[in-house]
Amino acid sequence: SATADLSIGGCYLRIMFTFPIGTVLDVNLQIGRQVRTKAVVVTQDIKIGNGLKFIEMSPEDKEALRNYLDSDGHAAT
């Protein structure tokens, strides 16, 4: 699976076998280091992917993600 549209608040997960809206997932992001978060599925595009909203992340992981987004030329929201 691949992530797209990564932001401080969530991401899009490109995945063939999608999850129903409302599903809570444990997510590990590789951004130079591993960042862990809980996410809830907010959109479902069958056989394409899911939109995820991050709902639980440690302050350290959130800071690492913010730094990654800032250094990668993304606008952190």
PDB file of N, CA and C in Angstrom:
ATOM      1  N   SER A   1       0.836  -1.184   0.000  1.00  0.00           N
ATOM      2  CA  SER A   1       0.000   0.000   0.000  1.00  0.00           C
ATOM      3  C   SER A   1       0.879   1.245   0.000  1.00  0.00           C
ATOM      4  N   ALA A   2       0.365   2.319  -0.531  1.00  0.00           N
ATOM      5  CA  ALA A   2       1.111   3.572  -0.618  1.00  0.00           C
ATOM      6  C   ALA A   2       0.255   4.705  -0.083  1.00  0.00           C
ATOM      7  N   THR A   3       0.908   5.656   0.575  1.00  0.00           N
ATOM      8  CA  THR A   3       0.181   6.811   1.076  1.00  0.00           C
ATOM      9  C   THR A   3       0.322   7.966   0.100  1.00  0.00           C
ATOM     10  N   ALA A   4      -0.682   8.802   0.083  1.00  0.00           N
ATOM     11  CA  ALA A   4      -0.671  10.000  -0.756  1.00  0.00           C
ATOM     12  C   ALA A   4      -1.325  11.121   0.039  1.00  0.00           C
ATOM     13  N   ASP A   5      -1.097  12.343  -0.395  1.00  0.00           N
ATOM     14  CA  ASP A   5      -1.723  13.506   0.254  1.00  0.00           C
ATOM     15  C   ASP A   5      -1.498  13.495   1.764  1.00  0.00           C
ATOM     16  N   LEU A   6      -0.269  13.202   2.176  1.00  0.00           N
ATOM     17  CA  LEU A   6       0.059  13.146   3.597  1.00  0.00           C
ATOM     18  C   LEU A   6       0.052  14.545   4.197  1.00  0.00           C
ATOM     19  N   SER A   7      -0.640  14.695   5.323  1.00  0.00           N
ATOM     20  CA  SER A   7      -0.654  15.963   6.054  1.00  0.00           C
ATOM     21  C   SER A   7      -0.571  15.649   7.540  1.00  0.00           C
ATOM     22  N   ILE A   8      -0.507  16.693   8.346  1.00  0.00           N
ATOM     23  CA  ILE A   8      -0.441  16.495   9.791  1.00  0.00           C
ATOM     24  C   ILE A   8      -1.745  15.881  10.309  1.00  0.00           C
ATOM     25  N   GLY A   9      -2.826  16.027   9.553  1.00  0.00           N
ATOM     26  CA  GLY A   9      -4.124  15.540  10.020  1.00  0.00           C
ATOM     27  C   GLY A   9      -4.568  14.208   9.465  1.00  0.00           C
ATOM     28  N   GLY A  10      -3.857  13.710   8.431  1.00  0.00           N
ATOM     29  CA  GLY A  10      -4.272  12.445   7.851  1.00  0.00           C
ATOM     30  C   GLY A  10      -3.566  12.159   6.545  1.00  0.00           C
ATOM     31  N   CYS A  11      -4.077  11.168   5.818  1.00  0.00           N
ATOM     32  CA  CYS A  11      -3.478  10.805   4.538  1.00  0.00           C
ATOM     33  C   CYS A  11      -4.485   9.985   3.739  1.00  0.00           C
ATOM     34  N   TYR A  12      -4.120   9.711   2.519  1.00  0.00           N
ATOM     35  CA  TYR A  12      -4.906   8.814   1.673  1.00  0.00           C
ATOM     36  C   TYR A  12      -4.106   7.532   1.518  1.00  0.00           C
ATOM     37  N   LEU A  13      -4.746   6.412   1.745  1.00  0.00           N
ATOM     38  CA  LEU A  13      -4.099   5.106   1.650  1.00  0.00           C
ATOM     39  C   LEU A  13      -4.570   4.415   0.386  1.00  0.00           C
ATOM     40  N   ARG A  14      -3.654   4.249  -0.568  1.00  0.00           N
ATOM     41  CA  ARG A  14      -3.991   3.529  -1.797  1.00  0.00           C
ATOM     42  C   ARG A  14      -3.898   2.036  -1.505  1.00  0.00           C
ATOM     43  N   ILE A  15      -5.055   1.372  -1.574  1.00  0.00           N
ATOM     44  CA  ILE A  15      -5.127  -0.036  -1.194  1.00  0.00           C
ATOM     45  C   ILE A  15      -6.271  -0.702  -1.957  1.00  0.00           C
ATOM     46  N   MET A  16      -6.027  -1.902  -2.447  1.00  0.00           N
ATOM     47  CA  MET A  16      -7.021  -2.604  -3.251  1.00  0.00           C
ATOM     48  C   MET A  16      -8.228  -3.044  -2.415  1.00  0.00           C
ATOM     49  N   PHE A  17      -7.948  -3.600  -1.237  1.00  0.00           N
ATOM     50  CA  PHE A  17      -9.019  -4.099  -0.375  1.00  0.00           C
ATOM     51  C   PHE A  17      -9.271  -3.051   0.710  1.00  0.00           C
ATOM     52  N   THR A  18     -10.268  -2.222   0.490  1.00  0.00           N
ATOM     53  CA  THR A  18     -10.500  -1.061   1.341  1.00  0.00           C
ATOM     54  C   THR A  18     -11.248  -1.420   2.618  1.00  0.00           C
ATOM     55  N   PHE A  19     -11.168  -0.519   3.586  1.00  0.00           N
ATOM     56  CA  PHE A  19     -11.840  -0.675   4.863  1.00  0.00           C
ATOM     57  C   PHE A  19     -13.118   0.159   4.879  1.00  0.00           C
ATOM     58  N   PRO A  20     -14.143  -0.300   5.603  1.00  0.00           N
ATOM     59  CA  PRO A  20     -15.380   0.480   5.719  1.00  0.00           C
ATOM     60  C   PRO A  20     -15.143   1.786   6.483  1.00  0.00           C
ATOM     61  N   ILE A  21     -15.920   2.825   6.166  1.00  0.00           N
ATOM     62  CA  ILE A  21     -15.860   4.092   6.886  1.00  0.00           C
ATOM     63  C   ILE A  21     -16.140   3.832   8.362  1.00  0.00           C
ATOM     64  N   GLY A  22     -15.354   4.473   9.225  1.00  0.00           N
ATOM     65  CA  GLY A  22     -15.507   4.302  10.669  1.00  0.00           C
ATOM     66  C   GLY A  22     -14.527   3.312  11.273  1.00  0.00           C
ATOM     67  N   THR A  23     -13.854   2.514  10.430  1.00  0.00           N
ATOM     68  CA  THR A  23     -12.866   1.563  10.925  1.00  0.00           C
ATOM     69  C   THR A  23     -11.691   2.323  11.541  1.00  0.00           C
ATOM     70  N   VAL A  24     -11.226   1.876  12.710  1.00  0.00           N
ATOM     71  CA  VAL A  24     -10.054   2.471  13.352  1.00  0.00           C
ATOM     72  C   VAL A  24      -8.858   1.568  13.090  1.00  0.00           C
ATOM     73  N   LEU A  25      -7.774   2.162  12.612  1.00  0.00           N
ATOM     74  CA  LEU A  25      -6.576   1.417  12.223  1.00  0.00           C
ATOM     75  C   LEU A  25      -5.364   1.892  13.015  1.00  0.00           C
ATOM     76  N   ASP A  26      -4.441   0.981  13.291  1.00  0.00           N
ATOM     77  CA  ASP A  26      -3.115   1.339  13.794  1.00  0.00           C
ATOM     78  C   ASP A  26      -2.236   1.510  12.569  1.00  0.00           C
ATOM     79  N   VAL A  27      -1.651   2.696  12.412  1.00  0.00           N
ATOM     80  CA  VAL A  27      -0.882   3.031  11.213  1.00  0.00           C
ATOM     81  C   VAL A  27       0.565   3.309  11.599  1.00  0.00           C
ATOM     82  N   ASN A  28       1.496   2.732  10.835  1.00  0.00           N
ATOM     83  CA  ASN A  28       2.918   3.031  10.977  1.00  0.00           C
ATOM     84  C   ASN A  28       3.378   3.714   9.704  1.00  0.00           C
ATOM     85  N   LEU A  29       3.882   4.947   9.831  1.00  0.00           N
ATOM     86  CA  LEU A  29       4.394   5.704   8.687  1.00  0.00           C
ATOM     87  C   LEU A  29       5.908   5.673   8.715  1.00  0.00           C
ATOM     88  N   GLN A  30       6.527   5.416   7.563  1.00  0.00           N
ATOM     89  CA  GLN A  30       7.980   5.468   7.449  1.00  0.00           C
ATOM     90  C   GLN A  30       8.353   6.800   6.812  1.00  0.00           C
ATOM     91  N   ILE A  31       8.892   7.701   7.615  1.00  0.00           N
ATOM     92  CA  ILE A  31       9.243   9.033   7.115  1.00  0.00           C
ATOM     93  C   ILE A  31      10.686   9.359   7.509  1.00  0.00           C
ATOM     94  N   GLY A  32      11.577   8.391   7.300  1.00  0.00           N
ATOM     95  CA  GLY A  32      12.937   8.533   7.779  1.00  0.00           C
ATOM     96  C   GLY A  32      13.070   7.877   9.140  1.00  0.00           C
ATOM     97  N   ARG A  33      12.002   7.892   9.898  1.00  0.00           N
ATOM     98  CA  ARG A  33      11.845   7.127  11.134  1.00  0.00           C
ATOM     99  C   ARG A  33      10.402   6.655  11.161  1.00  0.00           C
ATOM    100  N   GLN A  34      10.117   5.730  12.042  1.00  0.00           N
ATOM    101  CA  GLN A  34       8.745   5.219  12.120  1.00  0.00           C
ATOM    102  C   GLN A  34       7.892   6.114  13.019  1.00  0.00           C
ATOM    103  N   VAL A  35       6.739   6.485  12.518  1.00  0.00           N
ATOM    104  CA  VAL A  35       5.761   7.253  13.279  1.00  0.00           C
ATOM    105  C   VAL A  35       4.508   6.394  13.402  1.00  0.00           C
ATOM    106  N   ARG A  36       4.011   6.277  14.623  1.00  0.00           N
ATOM    107  CA  ARG A  36       2.798   5.484  14.867  1.00  0.00           C
ATOM    108  C   ARG A  36       1.626   6.397  15.158  1.00  0.00           C
ATOM    109  N   THR A  37       0.475   6.019  14.631  1.00  0.00           N
ATOM    110  CA  THR A  37      -0.746   6.785  14.891  1.00  0.00           C
ATOM    111  C   THR A  37      -1.951   5.869  14.794  1.00  0.00           C
ATOM    112  N   LYS A  38      -3.009   6.243  15.451  1.00  0.00           N
ATOM    113  CA  LYS A  38      -4.310   5.619  15.209  1.00  0.00           C
ATOM    114  C   LYS A  38      -5.023   6.513  14.215  1.00  0.00           C
ATOM    115  N   ALA A  39      -5.767   5.894  13.318  1.00  0.00           N
ATOM    116  CA  ALA A  39      -6.489   6.656  12.305  1.00  0.00           C
ATOM    117  C   ALA A  39      -7.865   6.055  12.115  1.00  0.00           C
ATOM    118  N   VAL A  40      -8.821   6.913  11.774  1.00  0.00           N
ATOM    119  CA  VAL A  40     -10.162   6.445  11.463  1.00  0.00           C
ATOM    120  C   VAL A  40     -10.395   6.640   9.963  1.00  0.00           C
ATOM    121  N   VAL A  41     -11.042   5.649   9.352  1.00  0.00           N
ATOM    122  CA  VAL A  41     -11.360   5.722   7.923  1.00  0.00           C
ATOM    123  C   VAL A  41     -12.514   6.706   7.736  1.00  0.00           C
ATOM    124  N   VAL A  42     -12.291   7.747   6.905  1.00  0.00           N
ATOM    125  CA  VAL A  42     -13.326   8.760   6.680  1.00  0.00           C
ATOM    126  C   VAL A  42     -13.885   8.731   5.259  1.00  0.00           C
ATOM    127  N   THR A  43     -13.153   8.156   4.315  1.00  0.00           N
ATOM    128  CA  THR A  43     -13.680   7.975   2.958  1.00  0.00           C
ATOM    129  C   THR A  43     -13.293   6.594   2.445  1.00  0.00           C
ATOM    130  N   GLN A  44     -14.115   6.066   1.544  1.00  0.00           N
ATOM    131  CA  GLN A  44     -13.848   4.751   0.966  1.00  0.00           C
ATOM    132  C   GLN A  44     -14.116   4.812  -0.528  1.00  0.00           C
ATOM    133  N   ASP A  45     -13.082   4.545  -1.313  1.00  0.00           N
ATOM    134  CA  ASP A  45     -13.206   4.408  -2.766  1.00  0.00           C
ATOM    135  C   ASP A  45     -12.886   2.950  -3.089  1.00  0.00           C
ATOM    136  N   ILE A  46     -13.930   2.165  -3.363  1.00  0.00           N
ATOM    137  CA  ILE A  46     -13.779   0.716  -3.547  1.00  0.00           C
ATOM    138  C   ILE A  46     -12.687   0.407  -4.566  1.00  0.00           C
ATOM    139  N   LYS A  47     -11.780  -0.492  -4.184  1.00  0.00           N
ATOM    140  CA  LYS A  47     -10.646  -0.970  -4.996  1.00  0.00           C
ATOM    141  C   LYS A  47      -9.627   0.124  -5.329  1.00  0.00           C
ATOM    142  N   ILE A  48      -9.757   1.299  -4.693  1.00  0.00           N
ATOM    143  CA  ILE A  48      -8.789   2.380  -4.926  1.00  0.00           C
ATOM    144  C   ILE A  48      -8.089   2.759  -3.635  1.00  0.00           C
ATOM    145  N   GLY A  49      -8.869   3.091  -2.592  1.00  0.00           N
ATOM    146  CA  GLY A  49      -8.221   3.474  -1.348  1.00  0.00           C
ATOM    147  C   GLY A  49      -9.161   4.058  -0.319  1.00  0.00           C
ATOM    148  N   ASN A  50      -8.550   4.455   0.796  1.00  0.00           N
ATOM    149  CA  ASN A  50      -9.270   5.041   1.924  1.00  0.00           C
ATOM    150  C   ASN A  50      -8.636   6.358   2.327  1.00  0.00           C
ATOM    151  N   GLY A  51      -9.480   7.306   2.701  1.00  0.00           N
ATOM    152  CA  GLY A  51      -9.011   8.532   3.344  1.00  0.00           C
ATOM    153  C   GLY A  51      -8.974   8.300   4.838  1.00  0.00           C
ATOM    154  N   LEU A  52      -7.845   8.619   5.468  1.00  0.00           N
ATOM    155  CA  LEU A  52      -7.671   8.394   6.893  1.00  0.00           C
ATOM    156  C   LEU A  52      -7.492   9.712   7.629  1.00  0.00           C
ATOM    157  N   LYS A  53      -8.107   9.820   8.793  1.00  0.00           N
ATOM    158  CA  LYS A  53      -7.910  10.969   9.680  1.00  0.00           C
ATOM    159  C   LYS A  53      -7.165  10.467  10.905  1.00  0.00           C
ATOM    160  N   PHE A  54      -6.015  11.104  11.200  1.00  0.00           N
ATOM    161  CA  PHE A  54      -5.241  10.708  12.372  1.00  0.00           C
ATOM    162  C   PHE A  54      -5.972  11.164  13.629  1.00  0.00           C
ATOM    163  N   ILE A  55      -6.154  10.243  14.574  1.00  0.00           N
ATOM    164  CA  ILE A  55      -6.915  10.571  15.778  1.00  0.00           C
ATOM    165  C   ILE A  55      -6.104  10.429  17.054  1.00  0.00           C
ATOM    166  N   GLU A  56      -4.950   9.800  16.989  1.00  0.00           N
ATOM    167  CA  GLU A  56      -4.156   9.606  18.195  1.00  0.00           C
ATOM    168  C   GLU A  56      -2.694   9.454  17.793  1.00  0.00           C
ATOM    169  N   MET A  57      -1.854  10.386  18.276  1.00  0.00           N
ATOM    170  CA  MET A  57      -0.434  10.345  17.936  1.00  0.00           C
ATOM    171  C   MET A  57       0.336  10.990  19.077  1.00  0.00           C
ATOM    172  N   SER A  58       1.476  10.418  19.435  1.00  0.00           N
ATOM    173  CA  SER A  58       2.276  11.000  20.507  1.00  0.00           C
ATOM    174  C   SER A  58       2.808  12.367  20.074  1.00  0.00           C
ATOM    175  N   PRO A  59       3.072  13.255  21.028  1.00  0.00           N
ATOM    176  CA  PRO A  59       3.635  14.564  20.671  1.00  0.00           C
ATOM    177  C   PRO A  59       4.951  14.440  19.904  1.00  0.00           C
ATOM    178  N   GLU A  60       5.771  13.456  20.262  1.00  0.00           N
ATOM    179  CA  GLU A  60       7.058  13.255  19.572  1.00  0.00           C
ATOM    180  C   GLU A  60       6.839  12.844  18.124  1.00  0.00           C
ATOM    181  N   ASP A  61       5.904  11.935  17.896  1.00  0.00           N
ATOM    182  CA  ASP A  61       5.633  11.489  16.531  1.00  0.00           C
ATOM    183  C   ASP A  61       5.003  12.611  15.710  1.00  0.00           C
ATOM    184  N   LYS A  62       4.126  13.400  16.340  1.00  0.00           N
ATOM    185  CA  LYS A  62       3.506  14.518  15.624  1.00  0.00           C
ATOM    186  C   LYS A  62       4.567  15.540  15.214  1.00  0.00           C
ATOM    187  N   GLU A  63       5.515  15.792  16.098  1.00  0.00           N
ATOM    188  CA  GLU A  63       6.601  16.729  15.791  1.00  0.00           C
ATOM    189  C   GLU A  63       7.478  16.182  14.657  1.00  0.00           C
ATOM    190  N   ALA A  64       7.763  14.879  14.692  1.00  0.00           N
ATOM    191  CA  ALA A  64       8.560  14.256  13.624  1.00  0.00           C
ATOM    192  C   ALA A  64       7.827  14.370  12.286  1.00  0.00           C
ATOM    193  N   LEU A  65       6.523  14.151  12.288  1.00  0.00           N
ATOM    194  CA  LEU A  65       5.737  14.262  11.056  1.00  0.00           C
ATOM    195  C   LEU A  65       5.719  15.710  10.574  1.00  0.00           C
ATOM    196  N   ARG A  66       5.539  16.649  11.485  1.00  0.00           N
ATOM    197  CA  ARG A  66       5.530  18.071  11.114  1.00  0.00           C
ATOM    198  C   ARG A  66       6.879  18.465  10.494  1.00  0.00           C
ATOM    199  N   ASN A  67       7.972  18.023  11.111  1.00  0.00           N
ATOM    200  CA  ASN A  67       9.305  18.320  10.578  1.00  0.00           C
ATOM    201  C   ASN A  67       9.501  17.705   9.198  1.00  0.00           C
ATOM    202  N   TYR A  68       9.022  16.475   9.019  1.00  0.00           N
ATOM    203  CA  TYR A  68       9.118  15.802   7.717  1.00  0.00           C
ATOM    204  C   TYR A  68       8.348  16.580   6.665  1.00  0.00           C
ATOM    205  N   LEU A  69       7.130  16.979   6.982  1.00  0.00           N
ATOM    206  CA  LEU A  69       6.303  17.713   6.031  1.00  0.00           C
ATOM    207  C   LEU A  69       6.937  19.055   5.686  1.00  0.00           C
ATOM    208  N   ASP A  70       7.466  19.748   6.687  1.00  0.00           N
ATOM    209  CA  ASP A  70       8.124  21.042   6.447  1.00  0.00           C
ATOM    210  C   ASP A  70       9.352  20.891   5.562  1.00  0.00           C
ATOM    211  N   SER A  71      10.158  19.858   5.821  1.00  0.00           N
ATOM    212  CA  SER A  71      11.412  19.677   5.077  1.00  0.00           C
ATOM    213  C   SER A  71      11.177  19.096   3.691  1.00  0.00           C
ATOM    214  N   ASP A  72      10.026  18.462   3.499  1.00  0.00           N
ATOM    215  CA  ASP A  72       9.728  17.819   2.208  1.00  0.00           C
ATOM    216  C   ASP A  72       8.992  18.750   1.260  1.00  0.00           C
ATOM    217  N   GLY A  73       8.836  20.005   1.663  1.00  0.00           N
ATOM    218  CA  GLY A  73       8.200  20.975   0.776  1.00  0.00           C
ATOM    219  C   GLY A  73       6.687  20.954   0.825  1.00  0.00           C
ATOM    220  N   HIS A  74       6.128  20.181   1.770  1.00  0.00           N
ATOM    221  CA  HIS A  74       4.668  20.165   1.935  1.00  0.00           C
ATOM    222  C   HIS A  74       4.265  21.296   2.870  1.00  0.00           C
ATOM    223  N   ALA A  75       3.071  21.724   2.775  1.00  0.00           N
ATOM    224  CA  ALA A  75       2.519  22.702   3.714  1.00  0.00           C
ATOM    225  C   ALA A  75       1.790  21.942   4.817  1.00  0.00           C
ATOM    226  N   ALA A  76       2.281  22.038   6.019  1.00  0.00           N
ATOM    227  CA  ALA A  76       1.626  21.374   7.145  1.00  0.00           C
ATOM    228  C   ALA A  76       0.404  22.186   7.552  1.00  0.00           C
ATOM    229  N   THR A  77      -0.711  21.475   7.732  1.00  0.00           N
ATOM    230  CA  THR A  77      -1.942  22.174   8.103  1.00  0.00           C
ATOM    231  C   THR A  77      -2.333  21.819   9.512  1.00  0.00           C
TER     232      THR A  77
END
